[in-house]
Amino acid sequence: MIFIPTCSQDTTTDLVMKELNPETVFRFNIDKPDDFTWDFHSKGFCIIDKISNKNITEKTLTSFYLRKPMYFDPIDIPKYGSVENWRREETEELLKEFYRECQSRGLVSLIKSKNTHYGKLRQLLTATKYFHVAPWHFFHGELPNELKNGKWVVKSLTQTPIGEGKVFFVKEVDPKLLDLSYPWFMQERIDGEEEVTVVYIDGKMYAANYPRKAFDTEDSRKSLMENPTAWPRCELSKKDEESIRGFMNETGYRFGRFDFIRKDGELWFLELNPNGQWAWLDENNERGLISMVADAIKKEDKEHAISRR
């Protein structure tokens, strides 16, 4: 049985599950704890969905497919903490431990690296071997000389909220106006013609693009949230495909969504999200993207089941 930890608002999981046999999937919504009971112990574990009465145990688990176990309803945490925050962090830590145990047993599907985790900064360093990468700085306390000229955009290493209903989006700013008592991640602005995203699925690639002039912000995520738009599928050159495969082979990832900017016909690397959202590219599965991902999950789950036997 495939264990999918996520949240009740994850529409990507909704779509993928339509392509999977419901009898072989156990979905765990971290934001709905009252819908479940669980017991992890020295001899294994058992999780029960109280709504459907379905259960999963150490004997029936074949794959761990990580999605989005997160809370969309933030809470105000008092100075000395709160019971609700404790409950959430305990549950999150349990899932992290469960994931690591399943990873050690070779049961994790797609969302993993056979090498080690590659954060944004390490990705940028590795990507210089395969793509164009704009200069970047992560700094604090003093403005680097390179940032005193040219155009720069500010980014964030995390998705931590910065206020009620506020998140940190990519934005062009004047570095000289920044408060240097905060840490800043900045990259030189890439004035390209289009944004290109590529979903890499165990050797296969699904590429789509959209003209940059169609976005009213530097961050396409913000535009998509305000005005959801399907991106048309596009072709990649042989060189592009070789570069993507080279990057994935070195990092050890089998799945992920790349973000690029195409400038003068060349790809400029922004990042690889090993577990990013992608279903919006083909919500109705008209081009087969959701089926491609579901087929990869089923194939790997079958391999896990055979291995366990």
Protein backbone atom coordinates (compact mmCIF):
# COMPACT_ATOMS: atom_id res chain seq x y z
CA MET A 1 0.00 0.00 0.00
CA ILE A 2 1.26 3.49 -0.91
CA PHE A 3 1.36 5.89 2.03
CA ILE A 4 0.83 9.53 0.96
CA PRO A 5 1.32 12.11 3.72
CA THR A 6 -0.12 15.47 2.64
CA CYS A 7 -2.88 17.91 3.62
CA SER A 8 -6.56 18.19 2.81
CA GLN A 9 -5.98 21.14 0.44
CA ASP A 10 -3.48 19.36 -1.82
CA THR A 11 -5.24 19.25 -5.20
CA THR A 12 -2.19 17.61 -6.82
CA THR A 13 -2.72 14.54 -4.65
CA ASP A 14 -6.44 14.65 -5.50
CA LEU A 15 -5.58 14.40 -9.20
CA VAL A 16 -2.88 11.75 -8.84
CA MET A 17 -5.14 9.52 -6.75
CA LYS A 18 -7.63 9.41 -9.63
CA GLU A 19 -4.95 7.57 -11.62
CA LEU A 20 -4.14 5.11 -8.83
CA ASN A 21 -6.08 2.17 -7.51
CA PRO A 22 -7.79 3.56 -4.37
CA GLU A 23 -7.40 0.21 -2.65
CA THR A 24 -3.60 0.53 -2.86
CA VAL A 25 -3.36 4.06 -1.42
CA PHE A 26 -3.54 5.41 2.12
CA ARG A 27 -3.78 9.21 2.26
CA PHE A 28 -2.84 10.93 5.51
CA ASN A 29 -3.90 14.58 5.86
CA ILE A 30 -1.74 16.12 8.55
CA ASP A 31 -4.16 19.04 9.02
CA LYS A 32 -7.01 16.65 9.90
CA PRO A 33 -5.60 14.75 12.92
CA ASP A 34 -9.04 13.95 14.32
CA ASP A 35 -9.73 11.85 11.23
CA PHE A 36 -6.98 9.40 12.17
CA THR A 37 -5.61 7.24 14.94
CA TRP A 38 -2.05 5.96 14.90
CA ASP A 39 0.29 3.87 16.94
CA PHE A 40 4.03 3.49 16.24
CA HIS A 41 5.73 0.93 18.44
CA SER A 42 8.72 -1.39 18.71
CA LYS A 43 7.16 -4.01 16.42
CA GLY A 44 5.80 -1.69 13.72
CA PHE A 45 2.92 0.74 13.32
CA CYS A 46 -0.76 1.04 12.47
CA ILE A 47 -2.57 4.11 11.12
CA ILE A 48 -6.37 4.08 10.80
CA ASP A 49 -8.53 6.43 8.76
CA LYS A 50 -11.61 6.82 10.97
CA ILE A 51 -13.71 8.16 8.08
CA SER A 52 -13.16 5.25 5.67
CA ASN A 53 -12.03 2.68 8.28
CA LYS A 54 -9.04 1.91 6.05
CA ASN A 55 -5.75 1.09 7.77
CA ILE A 56 -2.08 0.71 6.88
CA THR A 57 0.51 -1.26 8.85
CA GLU A 58 4.17 -2.24 8.57
CA LYS A 59 2.96 -5.41 6.79
CA THR A 60 0.92 -3.62 4.12
CA LEU A 61 3.19 -0.60 3.52
CA THR A 62 5.04 -0.84 0.19
CA SER A 63 5.85 2.81 -0.65
CA PHE A 64 6.15 6.24 1.00
CA TYR A 65 5.20 8.98 -1.49
CA LEU A 66 5.88 12.36 0.15
CA ARG A 67 3.52 15.17 -0.89
CA LYS A 68 2.64 18.25 1.16
CA PRO A 69 2.14 17.51 4.88
CA MET A 70 1.67 21.13 5.90
CA TYR A 71 -0.77 23.42 7.69
CA PHE A 72 -2.43 26.17 5.68
CA ASP A 73 -4.03 27.75 8.75
CA PRO A 74 -1.19 29.51 10.64
CA ILE A 75 -1.52 30.06 14.36
CA ASP A 76 -0.22 32.77 16.67
CA ILE A 77 2.29 31.19 19.02
CA PRO A 78 2.53 32.87 22.44
CA LYS A 79 5.90 33.75 23.93
CA TYR A 80 6.15 30.48 25.83
CA GLY A 81 4.57 28.28 23.18
CA SER A 82 1.17 26.58 22.96
CA VAL A 83 -0.35 23.13 23.09
CA GLU A 84 -1.56 23.40 19.47
CA ASN A 85 1.91 24.26 18.19
CA TRP A 86 3.37 21.39 20.24
CA ARG A 87 0.81 18.97 18.73
CA ARG A 88 1.67 20.08 15.20
CA GLU A 89 5.41 19.86 15.64
CA GLU A 90 5.20 16.46 17.32
CA THR A 91 3.20 15.12 14.38
CA GLU A 92 5.55 16.70 11.81
CA GLU A 93 8.59 15.22 13.55
CA LEU A 94 6.95 11.79 13.60
CA LEU A 95 6.42 11.97 9.82
CA LYS A 96 10.03 13.06 9.30
CA GLU A 97 11.24 10.08 11.33
CA PHE A 98 8.88 7.77 9.43
CA TYR A 99 10.16 9.15 6.12
CA ARG A 100 13.80 8.61 7.10
CA GLU A 101 13.06 5.04 8.21
CA CYS A 102 11.28 4.28 4.92
CA GLN A 103 14.15 5.89 3.01
CA SER A 104 16.65 3.63 4.79
CA ARG A 105 14.59 0.64 3.69
CA GLY A 106 14.37 1.79 0.07
CA LEU A 107 10.61 2.40 0.17
CA VAL A 108 10.49 6.12 -0.70
CA SER A 109 9.00 6.86 -4.14
CA LEU A 110 10.20 9.62 -6.52
CA ILE A 111 10.68 12.41 -3.96
CA LYS A 112 14.22 11.61 -2.94
CA SER A 113 17.86 11.82 -3.95
CA LYS A 114 20.09 8.77 -4.02
CA ASN A 115 22.95 11.06 -3.00
CA THR A 116 21.98 13.74 -0.48
CA HIS A 117 19.72 16.77 -0.13
CA TYR A 118 20.45 19.68 -2.47
CA GLY A 119 19.23 23.01 -1.10
CA LYS A 120 18.97 26.13 -3.25
CA LEU A 121 22.55 27.27 -2.78
CA ARG A 122 24.06 23.86 -3.48
CA GLN A 123 21.81 23.54 -6.51
CA LEU A 124 23.12 26.82 -7.89
CA LEU A 125 26.72 25.68 -7.45
CA THR A 126 26.03 22.37 -9.19
CA ALA A 127 23.96 23.94 -11.97
CA THR A 128 26.94 25.97 -13.27
CA LYS A 129 28.23 22.74 -14.83
CA TYR A 130 25.11 22.36 -16.97
CA PHE A 131 23.31 25.71 -17.41
CA HIS A 132 23.79 29.45 -17.35
CA VAL A 133 23.49 30.71 -13.76
CA ALA A 134 23.18 34.40 -12.88
CA PRO A 135 25.50 35.76 -10.12
CA TRP A 136 24.05 35.52 -6.62
CA HIS A 137 24.86 36.51 -3.03
CA PHE A 138 23.51 35.52 0.37
CA PHE A 139 24.75 38.20 2.73
CA HIS A 140 24.26 40.02 6.03
CA GLY A 141 25.74 43.10 7.66
CA GLU A 142 27.53 44.58 4.64
CA LEU A 143 26.48 45.07 1.02
CA PRO A 144 28.77 43.20 -1.42
CA ASN A 145 30.40 45.50 -3.98
CA GLU A 146 28.92 43.57 -6.92
CA LEU A 147 25.40 44.51 -5.81
CA LYS A 148 26.08 48.26 -5.99
CA ASN A 149 25.51 48.16 -9.76
CA GLY A 150 23.09 46.42 -12.10
CA LYS A 151 19.61 44.97 -11.55
CA TRP A 152 18.98 42.48 -8.75
CA VAL A 153 16.03 40.49 -7.42
CA VAL A 154 15.56 39.42 -3.83
CA LYS A 155 14.57 35.83 -3.04
CA SER A 156 14.04 33.62 0.00
CA LEU A 157 15.56 30.30 1.02
CA THR A 158 12.39 29.31 2.89
CA GLN A 159 8.63 29.74 2.66
CA THR A 160 8.36 31.17 6.16
CA PRO A 161 5.47 33.70 6.44
CA ILE A 162 6.55 37.31 7.07
CA GLY A 163 3.23 38.55 8.41
CA GLU A 164 -0.47 37.78 8.41
CA GLY A 165 -1.33 36.62 4.90
CA LYS A 166 2.12 37.59 3.65
CA VAL A 167 4.75 35.43 1.99
CA PHE A 168 8.08 36.31 0.43
CA PHE A 169 7.92 36.52 -3.38
CA VAL A 170 10.73 37.27 -5.81
CA LYS A 171 10.96 41.00 -6.44
CA GLU A 172 13.38 43.43 -8.06
CA VAL A 173 14.77 45.85 -5.47
CA ASP A 174 17.58 48.36 -5.06
CA PRO A 175 20.13 46.52 -2.87
CA LYS A 176 21.31 49.84 -1.39
CA LEU A 177 17.90 50.26 0.28
CA LEU A 178 18.00 46.96 2.17
CA ASP A 179 18.17 46.76 5.96
CA LEU A 180 21.46 44.90 6.43
CA SER A 181 20.51 43.70 9.89
CA TYR A 182 18.54 41.00 8.04
CA PRO A 183 20.02 38.17 5.90
CA TRP A 184 19.38 38.62 2.17
CA PHE A 185 19.47 36.24 -0.79
CA MET A 186 19.82 38.14 -4.07
CA GLN A 187 20.46 37.18 -7.68
CA GLU A 188 21.14 39.28 -10.74
CA ARG A 189 17.99 39.87 -12.77
CA ILE A 190 17.75 37.77 -15.95
CA ASP A 191 16.01 39.69 -18.73
CA GLY A 192 14.81 36.70 -20.73
CA GLU A 193 11.95 36.16 -23.14
CA GLU A 194 10.08 33.35 -21.42
CA GLU A 195 9.83 31.19 -18.34
CA VAL A 196 10.28 27.47 -18.86
CA THR A 197 9.34 24.78 -16.39
CA VAL A 198 10.31 21.14 -16.82
CA VAL A 199 8.85 18.25 -14.84
CA TYR A 200 11.41 15.44 -14.74
CA ILE A 201 9.85 12.03 -14.12
CA ASP A 202 12.33 9.19 -13.81
CA GLY A 203 14.12 10.01 -17.07
CA LYS A 204 11.13 11.48 -18.90
CA MET A 205 10.55 15.22 -19.32
CA TYR A 206 7.45 17.38 -19.61
CA ALA A 207 8.31 20.96 -20.61
CA ALA A 208 6.03 24.02 -20.73
CA ASN A 209 6.66 27.72 -21.27
CA TYR A 210 5.06 31.14 -20.91
CA PRO A 211 6.17 34.61 -22.07
CA ARG A 212 7.62 36.72 -19.26
CA LYS A 213 5.85 39.87 -20.50
CA ALA A 214 2.55 38.15 -19.58
CA PHE A 215 3.45 38.29 -15.87
CA ASP A 216 2.91 41.50 -13.96
CA THR A 217 5.44 40.49 -11.27
CA GLU A 218 8.93 39.00 -11.12
CA ASP A 219 7.53 35.90 -9.44
CA SER A 220 5.34 33.76 -11.71
CA ARG A 221 3.93 32.02 -8.62
CA LYS A 222 2.15 35.22 -7.57
CA SER A 223 0.67 35.70 -11.04
CA LEU A 224 -0.51 32.09 -11.14
CA MET A 225 -2.12 32.38 -7.71
CA GLU A 226 -4.02 35.51 -8.79
CA ASN A 227 -4.80 34.34 -12.34
CA PRO A 228 -4.34 30.56 -12.84
CA THR A 229 -3.23 29.92 -16.40
CA ALA A 230 -2.31 26.69 -18.15
CA TRP A 231 1.09 26.85 -19.82
CA PRO A 232 1.41 25.33 -23.31
CA ARG A 233 3.75 22.42 -23.69
CA CYS A 234 7.04 23.18 -25.46
CA GLU A 235 9.99 21.33 -26.94
CA LEU A 236 13.48 21.07 -25.50
CA SER A 237 16.64 20.94 -27.55
CA LYS A 238 18.91 17.91 -27.38
CA LYS A 239 21.41 20.09 -25.52
CA ASP A 240 18.76 21.12 -22.98
CA GLU A 241 17.75 17.51 -22.36
CA GLU A 242 21.37 16.41 -21.94
CA SER A 243 21.99 19.23 -19.44
CA ILE A 244 18.89 18.32 -17.42
CA ARG A 245 19.84 14.64 -17.35
CA GLY A 246 23.38 15.53 -16.33
CA PHE A 247 22.14 17.66 -13.44
CA MET A 248 19.70 14.97 -12.26
CA ASN A 249 22.30 12.22 -12.53
CA GLU A 250 24.76 14.21 -10.42
CA THR A 251 22.26 15.23 -7.76
CA GLY A 252 20.67 11.78 -7.68
CA TYR A 253 17.07 12.99 -8.02
CA ARG A 254 14.55 10.97 -10.04
CA PHE A 255 11.78 13.55 -9.91
CA GLY A 256 11.43 17.31 -9.67
CA ARG A 257 10.22 20.47 -11.36
CA PHE A 258 12.83 22.78 -12.86
CA ASP A 259 12.36 26.52 -13.18
CA PHE A 260 14.29 28.25 -15.96
CA ILE A 261 14.31 31.54 -17.85
CA ARG A 262 15.10 31.29 -21.55
CA LYS A 263 17.25 34.13 -22.80
CA ASP A 264 18.49 34.33 -26.38
CA GLY A 265 17.61 30.67 -26.84
CA GLU A 266 19.59 29.48 -23.78
CA LEU A 267 18.27 28.13 -20.48
CA TRP A 268 19.19 30.03 -17.30
CA PHE A 269 18.77 27.92 -14.18
CA LEU A 270 16.66 29.18 -11.27
CA GLU A 271 16.02 26.08 -9.17
CA LEU A 272 14.86 22.48 -8.96
CA ASN A 273 11.97 21.81 -6.60
CA PRO A 274 12.14 18.07 -5.74
CA ASN A 275 8.53 18.16 -4.56
CA GLY A 276 7.03 21.22 -6.21
CA GLN A 277 3.51 21.69 -7.49
CA TRP A 278 3.10 20.57 -11.10
CA ALA A 279 -0.48 19.40 -11.65
CA TRP A 280 -1.59 22.90 -12.69
CA LEU A 281 0.32 22.37 -15.95
CA ASP A 282 -2.18 19.70 -17.04
CA GLU A 283 -5.08 19.63 -14.57
CA ASN A 284 -7.38 17.66 -16.88
CA ASN A 285 -4.60 15.25 -17.86
CA GLU A 286 -5.16 16.15 -21.50
CA ARG A 287 -1.44 15.88 -22.24
CA GLY A 288 -0.85 12.91 -19.94
CA LEU A 289 1.31 14.59 -17.28
CA ILE A 290 -0.67 13.25 -14.32
CA SER A 291 -0.67 9.77 -15.84
CA MET A 292 3.11 9.98 -16.32
CA VAL A 293 3.62 10.68 -12.62
CA ALA A 294 1.06 8.10 -11.50
CA ASP A 295 2.64 5.44 -13.74
CA ALA A 296 6.07 6.16 -12.23
CA ILE A 297 4.63 5.80 -8.72
CA LYS A 298 2.92 2.51 -9.61
CA LYS A 299 6.05 1.16 -11.27
CA GLU A 300 8.19 1.96 -8.25
CA ASP A 301 5.58 0.63 -5.83
CA LYS A 302 5.56 -2.66 -7.71
CA GLU A 303 9.34 -2.84 -7.44
CA HIS A 304 9.13 -2.14 -3.69
CA ALA A 305 6.52 -4.86 -3.21
CA ILE A 306 8.64 -7.41 -5.08
CA SER A 307 11.70 -6.40 -3.08
CA ARG A 308 9.86 -6.83 0.22
CA ARG A 309 8.65 -10.28 -0.77
